[in-house]
Amino acid sequence: MRRLIVLLTGVAALLAVLSWSSQTTASASPPSSLQTASIPAVSGPPVPVPRPRFTRSMYSATQLAGAGVMLDACAGPIAIHLGPGRPILVAQHDYCGGTAWMPKLNLGDAVKLTGDGIYPGIYVVTEIRYQIRDEATVGDLPDADAVLQTCVTKKKLILVGLNWVGV
């Protein structure tokens, strides 16, 4: 019972302070120029969109469940929608051309992606990871706008994180 009384007294005191504070704020003079001052936004010259090292157009777009058939067609990279909050996965078999370009990318390189299932434009490499093929999951994908994926050996695959920078 004593704790309840102490708690109610504390709440009453808090309400009294808040009430007094709002009354004094309402009757206070307007804010000074120092109180309303802001720092002007600094903007430099626009950052040029880098020239792409590779340009690829998606052969098709699909969900994860249908990706195998599309990949096996060997007609080019495919855009795989993994669900909300996940990057678009751009995959291509190594023996269908994936190793001709994905493992050759370095941090900061640009790639132009177009076609079905991808937001068209220039993407910059922000992360490169290698994973064990049989152990890789969607949770291993880099936090990026799009991720390139191809196998590089019988046991390893590469994941290249890309962020969109412009058209």
C-alpha atoms as a PDB file:
ATOM      1  CA  MET A   1       0.000   0.000   0.000  1.00  0.00           C
ATOM      2  CA  ARG A   2       2.819   2.354   0.891  1.00  0.00           C
ATOM      3  CA  ARG A   3       4.426   1.807  -2.537  1.00  0.00           C
ATOM      4  CA  LEU A   4       1.162   2.714  -4.226  1.00  0.00           C
ATOM      5  CA  ILE A   5       0.943   5.990  -2.275  1.00  0.00           C
ATOM      6  CA  VAL A   6       4.562   6.845  -3.152  1.00  0.00           C
ATOM      7  CA  LEU A   7       3.898   6.035  -6.810  1.00  0.00           C
ATOM      8  CA  LEU A   8       0.708   8.144  -6.930  1.00  0.00           C
ATOM      9  CA  THR A   9       2.502  11.044  -5.237  1.00  0.00           C
ATOM     10  CA  GLY A  10       5.292  10.841  -7.822  1.00  0.00           C
ATOM     11  CA  VAL A  11       2.820  10.791 -10.710  1.00  0.00           C
ATOM     12  CA  ALA A  12       0.938  13.767  -9.258  1.00  0.00           C
ATOM     13  CA  ALA A  13       4.187  15.715  -8.912  1.00  0.00           C
ATOM     14  CA  LEU A  14       5.172  14.910 -12.499  1.00  0.00           C
ATOM     15  CA  LEU A  15       1.789  16.054 -13.801  1.00  0.00           C
ATOM     16  CA  ALA A  16       2.071  19.294 -11.820  1.00  0.00           C
ATOM     17  CA  VAL A  17       5.516  20.018 -13.308  1.00  0.00           C
ATOM     18  CA  LEU A  18       4.329  19.240 -16.829  1.00  0.00           C
ATOM     19  CA  SER A  19       1.277  21.461 -16.393  1.00  0.00           C
ATOM     20  CA  TRP A  20       3.384  24.345 -15.055  1.00  0.00           C
ATOM     21  CA  SER A  21       5.922  23.853 -17.861  1.00  0.00           C
ATOM     22  CA  SER A  22       3.288  24.040 -20.597  1.00  0.00           C
ATOM     23  CA  GLN A  23       1.771  27.191 -19.055  1.00  0.00           C
ATOM     24  CA  THR A  24       5.098  28.973 -18.860  1.00  0.00           C
ATOM     25  CA  THR A  25       6.000  27.901 -22.386  1.00  0.00           C
ATOM     26  CA  ALA A  26       2.732  29.244 -23.739  1.00  0.00           C
ATOM     27  CA  SER A  27       3.218  32.635 -22.097  1.00  0.00           C
ATOM     28  CA  ALA A  28       6.918  32.918 -22.883  1.00  0.00           C
ATOM     29  CA  SER A  29       8.263  35.394 -25.402  1.00  0.00           C
ATOM     30  CA  PRO A  30       8.882  34.294 -28.995  1.00  0.00           C
ATOM     31  CA  PRO A  31      12.124  32.364 -29.586  1.00  0.00           C
ATOM     32  CA  SER A  32      15.237  34.388 -30.274  1.00  0.00           C
ATOM     33  CA  SER A  33      17.085  34.240 -33.573  1.00  0.00           C
ATOM     34  CA  LEU A  34      19.715  32.100 -31.861  1.00  0.00           C
ATOM     35  CA  GLN A  35      17.057  29.555 -30.859  1.00  0.00           C
ATOM     36  CA  THR A  36      15.681  29.346 -34.403  1.00  0.00           C
ATOM     37  CA  ALA A  37      19.002  29.485 -36.271  1.00  0.00           C
ATOM     38  CA  SER A  38      19.875  26.578 -38.512  1.00  0.00           C
ATOM     39  CA  ILE A  39      22.982  25.493 -40.310  1.00  0.00           C
ATOM     40  CA  PRO A  40      22.608  25.914 -44.064  1.00  0.00           C
ATOM     41  CA  ALA A  41      22.852  22.762 -46.123  1.00  0.00           C
ATOM     42  CA  VAL A  42      26.164  22.382 -47.872  1.00  0.00           C
ATOM     43  CA  SER A  43      26.003  20.973 -51.346  1.00  0.00           C
ATOM     44  CA  GLY A  44      28.977  20.426 -53.531  1.00  0.00           C
ATOM     45  CA  PRO A  45      29.103  19.638 -57.187  1.00  0.00           C
ATOM     46  CA  PRO A  46      27.043  16.617 -58.221  1.00  0.00           C
ATOM     47  CA  VAL A  47      28.912  13.350 -57.981  1.00  0.00           C
ATOM     48  CA  PRO A  48      29.364  11.976 -61.493  1.00  0.00           C
ATOM     49  CA  VAL A  49      27.864   8.576 -62.187  1.00  0.00           C
ATOM     50  CA  PRO A  50      30.797   6.241 -62.832  1.00  0.00           C
ATOM     51  CA  ARG A  51      31.297   4.622 -66.196  1.00  0.00           C
ATOM     52  CA  PRO A  52      30.221   0.958 -66.036  1.00  0.00           C
ATOM     53  CA  ARG A  53      32.804  -1.773 -66.370  1.00  0.00           C
ATOM     54  CA  PHE A  54      30.120  -4.223 -67.523  1.00  0.00           C
ATOM     55  CA  THR A  55      26.613  -3.812 -68.967  1.00  0.00           C
ATOM     56  CA  ARG A  56      24.127  -6.635 -68.626  1.00  0.00           C
ATOM     57  CA  SER A  57      20.438  -7.013 -69.450  1.00  0.00           C
ATOM     58  CA  MET A  58      18.342  -9.462 -67.488  1.00  0.00           C
ATOM     59  CA  TYR A  59      17.124 -12.445 -69.471  1.00  0.00           C
ATOM     60  CA  SER A  60      14.135 -12.823 -67.176  1.00  0.00           C
ATOM     61  CA  ALA A  61      12.727 -12.135 -63.731  1.00  0.00           C
ATOM     62  CA  THR A  62      11.425 -14.780 -61.366  1.00  0.00           C
ATOM     63  CA  GLN A  63      10.847 -15.773 -57.757  1.00  0.00           C
ATOM     64  CA  LEU A  64      13.330 -17.996 -55.937  1.00  0.00           C
ATOM     65  CA  ALA A  65      11.215 -21.117 -56.571  1.00  0.00           C
ATOM     66  CA  GLY A  66      11.435 -20.699 -60.361  1.00  0.00           C
ATOM     67  CA  ALA A  67      15.066 -19.642 -60.574  1.00  0.00           C
ATOM     68  CA  GLY A  68      16.561 -23.029 -61.466  1.00  0.00           C
ATOM     69  CA  VAL A  69      14.705 -23.361 -64.770  1.00  0.00           C
ATOM     70  CA  MET A  70      15.573 -19.795 -65.766  1.00  0.00           C
ATOM     71  CA  LEU A  71      19.248 -20.213 -64.843  1.00  0.00           C
ATOM     72  CA  ASP A  72      19.478 -23.491 -66.752  1.00  0.00           C
ATOM     73  CA  ALA A  73      18.277 -21.764 -69.933  1.00  0.00           C
ATOM     74  CA  CYS A  74      21.742 -20.116 -70.084  1.00  0.00           C
ATOM     75  CA  ALA A  75      20.285 -17.058 -71.806  1.00  0.00           C
ATOM     76  CA  GLY A  76      21.834 -14.449 -69.512  1.00  0.00           C
ATOM     77  CA  PRO A  77      21.556 -13.227 -65.947  1.00  0.00           C
ATOM     78  CA  ILE A  78      18.181 -13.406 -64.236  1.00  0.00           C
ATOM     79  CA  ALA A  79      16.672 -11.126 -61.596  1.00  0.00           C
ATOM     80  CA  ILE A  80      15.327 -13.072 -58.638  1.00  0.00           C
ATOM     81  CA  HIS A  81      12.860 -11.360 -56.315  1.00  0.00           C
ATOM     82  CA  LEU A  82      13.476 -12.657 -52.789  1.00  0.00           C
ATOM     83  CA  GLY A  83      10.692 -10.741 -51.041  1.00  0.00           C
ATOM     84  CA  PRO A  84      10.206  -7.420 -49.279  1.00  0.00           C
ATOM     85  CA  GLY A  85      13.257  -5.971 -47.580  1.00  0.00           C
ATOM     86  CA  ARG A  86      15.662  -8.167 -49.547  1.00  0.00           C
ATOM     87  CA  PRO A  87      17.923  -7.113 -52.415  1.00  0.00           C
ATOM     88  CA  ILE A  88      17.250  -8.282 -55.952  1.00  0.00           C
ATOM     89  CA  LEU A  89      19.476 -11.270 -56.610  1.00  0.00           C
ATOM     90  CA  VAL A  90      21.057 -11.253 -60.073  1.00  0.00           C
ATOM     91  CA  ALA A  91      22.265 -14.774 -60.767  1.00  0.00           C
ATOM     92  CA  GLN A  92      23.961 -16.505 -63.673  1.00  0.00           C
ATOM     93  CA  HIS A  93      25.563 -19.943 -63.892  1.00  0.00           C
ATOM     94  CA  ASP A  94      29.356 -19.819 -64.055  1.00  0.00           C
ATOM     95  CA  TYR A  95      29.367 -21.971 -67.205  1.00  0.00           C
ATOM     96  CA  CYS A  96      26.750 -19.714 -68.836  1.00  0.00           C
ATOM     97  CA  GLY A  97      28.821 -16.538 -68.579  1.00  0.00           C
ATOM     98  CA  GLY A  98      28.662 -15.592 -64.887  1.00  0.00           C
ATOM     99  CA  THR A  99      32.394 -16.025 -64.329  1.00  0.00           C
ATOM    100  CA  ALA A 100      33.151 -13.871 -67.364  1.00  0.00           C
ATOM    101  CA  TRP A 101      32.246 -10.766 -65.389  1.00  0.00           C
ATOM    102  CA  MET A 102      31.087 -11.126 -61.771  1.00  0.00           C
ATOM    103  CA  PRO A 103      34.387 -12.262 -60.177  1.00  0.00           C
ATOM    104  CA  LYS A 104      36.272  -9.617 -62.165  1.00  0.00           C
ATOM    105  CA  LEU A 105      34.556  -6.775 -60.297  1.00  0.00           C
ATOM    106  CA  ASN A 106      36.360  -4.827 -57.581  1.00  0.00           C
ATOM    107  CA  LEU A 107      35.059  -2.533 -54.858  1.00  0.00           C
ATOM    108  CA  GLY A 108      33.984   0.761 -56.439  1.00  0.00           C
ATOM    109  CA  ASP A 109      33.503  -0.681 -59.937  1.00  0.00           C
ATOM    110  CA  ALA A 110      30.264   0.166 -61.711  1.00  0.00           C
ATOM    111  CA  VAL A 111      27.865  -2.133 -63.547  1.00  0.00           C
ATOM    112  CA  LYS A 112      24.925  -1.118 -65.731  1.00  0.00           C
ATOM    113  CA  LEU A 113      21.915  -3.386 -65.279  1.00  0.00           C
ATOM    114  CA  THR A 114      18.707  -3.276 -67.314  1.00  0.00           C
ATOM    115  CA  GLY A 115      15.832  -5.547 -68.201  1.00  0.00           C
ATOM    116  CA  ASP A 116      13.000  -7.342 -66.521  1.00  0.00           C
ATOM    117  CA  GLY A 117      12.994  -7.440 -62.723  1.00  0.00           C
ATOM    118  CA  ILE A 118      15.747  -4.900 -62.015  1.00  0.00           C
ATOM    119  CA  TYR A 119      15.601  -1.159 -61.450  1.00  0.00           C
ATOM    120  CA  PRO A 120      17.570   0.026 -64.503  1.00  0.00           C
ATOM    121  CA  GLY A 121      20.712   2.058 -64.082  1.00  0.00           C
ATOM    122  CA  ILE A 122      24.266   2.142 -62.837  1.00  0.00           C
ATOM    123  CA  TYR A 123      25.171   0.193 -59.704  1.00  0.00           C
ATOM    124  CA  VAL A 124      28.424   0.451 -57.758  1.00  0.00           C
ATOM    125  CA  VAL A 125      30.109  -2.504 -56.038  1.00  0.00           C
ATOM    126  CA  THR A 126      29.996  -1.991 -52.273  1.00  0.00           C
ATOM    127  CA  GLU A 127      30.871  -5.463 -51.006  1.00  0.00           C
ATOM    128  CA  ILE A 128      32.339  -8.747 -52.237  1.00  0.00           C
ATOM    129  CA  ARG A 129      31.897 -12.016 -50.343  1.00  0.00           C
ATOM    130  CA  TYR A 130      32.766 -15.629 -51.041  1.00  0.00           C
ATOM    131  CA  GLN A 131      30.597 -18.390 -49.580  1.00  0.00           C
ATOM    132  CA  ILE A 132      30.615 -22.180 -49.528  1.00  0.00           C
ATOM    133  CA  ARG A 133      28.026 -23.200 -52.160  1.00  0.00           C
ATOM    134  CA  ASP A 134      26.263 -25.857 -50.105  1.00  0.00           C
ATOM    135  CA  GLU A 135      26.086 -23.654 -47.006  1.00  0.00           C
ATOM    136  CA  ALA A 136      25.013 -20.302 -48.493  1.00  0.00           C
ATOM    137  CA  THR A 137      21.577 -18.936 -47.584  1.00  0.00           C
ATOM    138  CA  VAL A 138      19.565 -15.819 -48.359  1.00  0.00           C
ATOM    139  CA  GLY A 139      20.726 -14.501 -44.985  1.00  0.00           C
ATOM    140  CA  ASP A 140      24.308 -14.390 -46.299  1.00  0.00           C
ATOM    141  CA  LEU A 141      23.490 -11.747 -48.905  1.00  0.00           C
ATOM    142  CA  PRO A 142      25.172  -8.368 -48.498  1.00  0.00           C
ATOM    143  CA  ASP A 143      22.963  -5.462 -47.443  1.00  0.00           C
ATOM    144  CA  ALA A 144      22.627  -3.793 -50.849  1.00  0.00           C
ATOM    145  CA  ASP A 145      20.134  -2.795 -53.545  1.00  0.00           C
ATOM    146  CA  ALA A 146      21.103  -5.775 -55.704  1.00  0.00           C
ATOM    147  CA  VAL A 147      23.451  -8.731 -55.321  1.00  0.00           C
ATOM    148  CA  LEU A 148      25.267 -10.554 -58.110  1.00  0.00           C
ATOM    149  CA  GLN A 149      25.807 -14.288 -57.622  1.00  0.00           C
ATOM    150  CA  THR A 150      27.664 -16.967 -59.580  1.00  0.00           C
ATOM    151  CA  CYS A 151      29.759 -19.986 -58.742  1.00  0.00           C
ATOM    152  CA  VAL A 152      33.529 -19.566 -58.960  1.00  0.00           C
ATOM    153  CA  THR A 153      34.595 -23.138 -58.155  1.00  0.00           C
ATOM    154  CA  LYS A 154      32.817 -26.417 -57.469  1.00  0.00           C
ATOM    155  CA  LYS A 155      32.673 -25.448 -53.795  1.00  0.00           C
ATOM    156  CA  LYS A 156      32.560 -21.617 -53.744  1.00  0.00           C
ATOM    157  CA  LEU A 157      30.278 -18.863 -54.975  1.00  0.00           C
ATOM    158  CA  ILE A 158      30.699 -15.110 -55.086  1.00  0.00           C
ATOM    159  CA  LEU A 159      28.222 -12.527 -53.817  1.00  0.00           C
ATOM    160  CA  VAL A 160      28.753  -8.971 -55.056  1.00  0.00           C
ATOM    161  CA  GLY A 161      26.751  -6.252 -53.280  1.00  0.00           C
ATOM    162  CA  LEU A 162      25.645  -3.359 -55.508  1.00  0.00           C
ATOM    163  CA  ASN A 163      24.040  -0.012 -54.717  1.00  0.00           C
ATOM    164  CA  TRP A 164      22.148   1.993 -57.333  1.00  0.00           C
ATOM    165  CA  VAL A 165      23.761   5.391 -58.105  1.00  0.00           C
ATOM    166  CA  GLY A 166      21.959   6.702 -61.188  1.00  0.00           C
ATOM    167  CA  VAL A 167      21.206   6.233 -64.849  1.00  0.00           C
END
